[in-house]
């Protein structure tokens, strides 16, 4: 892997980290703060979509993280 690719991959991982943290936060999902049985059909559907989107973004992050340069994040271990 070339140095410019390592740098770009590291920057992408940083961006994806921010996105994962935002998307995976339940306080940002539709219907946050409401009891589950108080959600509307629309809120349930949107909430489900938000969860799936967060999971997909996490998968992208894990892929970028797996191919990071060995020393990009200190002694961090490669995920399984």
Protein backbone atom coordinates (compact mmCIF):
# COMPACT_ATOMS: atom_id res chain seq x y z
CA UNK A 1 0.00 0.00 0.00
CA UNK A 2 1.38 3.42 -0.96
CA UNK A 3 1.84 6.18 1.60
CA UNK A 4 -0.85 8.36 0.01
CA UNK A 5 -3.31 5.46 0.21
CA UNK A 6 -2.45 4.92 3.87
CA UNK A 7 -3.08 8.58 4.57
CA UNK A 8 -6.39 8.59 2.70
CA UNK A 9 -7.50 5.42 4.49
CA UNK A 10 -6.62 6.90 7.86
CA UNK A 11 -8.61 10.06 7.06
CA UNK A 12 -11.56 7.96 5.89
CA UNK A 13 -11.49 5.97 9.12
CA UNK A 14 -11.56 9.22 11.10
CA UNK A 15 -14.59 10.44 9.13
CA UNK A 16 -16.39 7.13 9.52
CA UNK A 17 -15.72 7.16 13.27
CA UNK A 18 -17.55 10.47 13.57
CA UNK A 19 -20.45 9.21 11.47
CA UNK A 20 -20.76 5.94 13.41
CA UNK A 21 -20.82 7.78 16.73
CA UNK A 22 -23.57 10.09 15.45
CA UNK A 23 -25.71 7.43 13.77
CA UNK A 24 -25.42 4.83 16.55
CA UNK A 25 -26.58 7.24 19.26
CA UNK A 26 -30.19 6.27 20.15
CA UNK A 27 -30.87 9.86 21.21
CA UNK A 28 -30.66 10.79 17.51
CA UNK A 29 -33.22 8.20 16.37
CA UNK A 30 -36.86 9.07 15.71
CA UNK A 31 -39.02 8.69 18.81
CA UNK A 32 -36.08 9.16 21.19
CA UNK A 33 -37.26 9.62 24.75
CA UNK A 34 -40.63 8.01 24.13
CA UNK A 35 -41.76 4.66 25.43
CA UNK A 36 -41.62 1.96 22.75
CA UNK A 37 -45.39 1.43 22.89
CA UNK A 38 -45.92 5.17 22.26
CA UNK A 39 -44.10 5.17 18.90
CA UNK A 40 -46.11 5.71 15.76
CA UNK A 41 -45.82 3.34 12.84
CA UNK A 42 -43.73 5.98 11.02
CA UNK A 43 -41.39 6.40 14.01
CA UNK A 44 -40.91 2.64 14.31
CA UNK A 45 -40.05 2.37 10.64
CA UNK A 46 -37.72 5.36 10.69
CA UNK A 47 -36.08 4.12 13.89
CA UNK A 48 -35.49 0.71 12.31
CA UNK A 49 -33.98 2.37 9.23
CA UNK A 50 -31.65 4.46 11.44
CA UNK A 51 -30.45 1.33 13.25
CA UNK A 52 -29.77 -0.47 9.97
CA UNK A 53 -27.94 2.57 8.59
CA UNK A 54 -25.77 2.80 11.72
CA UNK A 55 -24.94 -0.92 11.45
CA UNK A 56 -23.97 -0.53 7.80
CA UNK A 57 -21.75 2.47 8.54
CA UNK A 58 -20.10 0.49 11.34
CA UNK A 59 -19.38 -2.29 8.84
CA UNK A 60 -17.71 0.24 6.52
CA UNK A 61 -15.65 1.56 9.43
CA UNK A 62 -14.53 -1.95 10.37
CA UNK A 63 -13.44 -2.57 6.80
CA UNK A 64 -11.42 0.64 6.66
CA UNK A 65 -9.99 -0.05 10.12
CA UNK A 66 -8.92 -3.56 9.13
CA UNK A 67 -6.76 -2.23 6.30
CA UNK A 68 -5.22 0.65 8.21
CA UNK A 69 -1.46 0.97 8.42
CA UNK A 70 -0.19 -1.07 11.37
CA UNK A 71 0.92 2.00 13.32
CA UNK A 72 -1.92 4.36 12.39
CA UNK A 73 -3.64 4.08 15.78
CA UNK A 74 -0.79 3.12 18.05
CA UNK A 75 -0.87 -0.44 19.28
CA UNK A 76 -4.52 -1.01 18.38
CA UNK A 77 -5.23 -4.60 17.43
CA UNK A 78 -6.72 -5.60 14.13
CA UNK A 79 -10.38 -6.56 14.50
CA UNK A 80 -11.35 -10.20 13.92
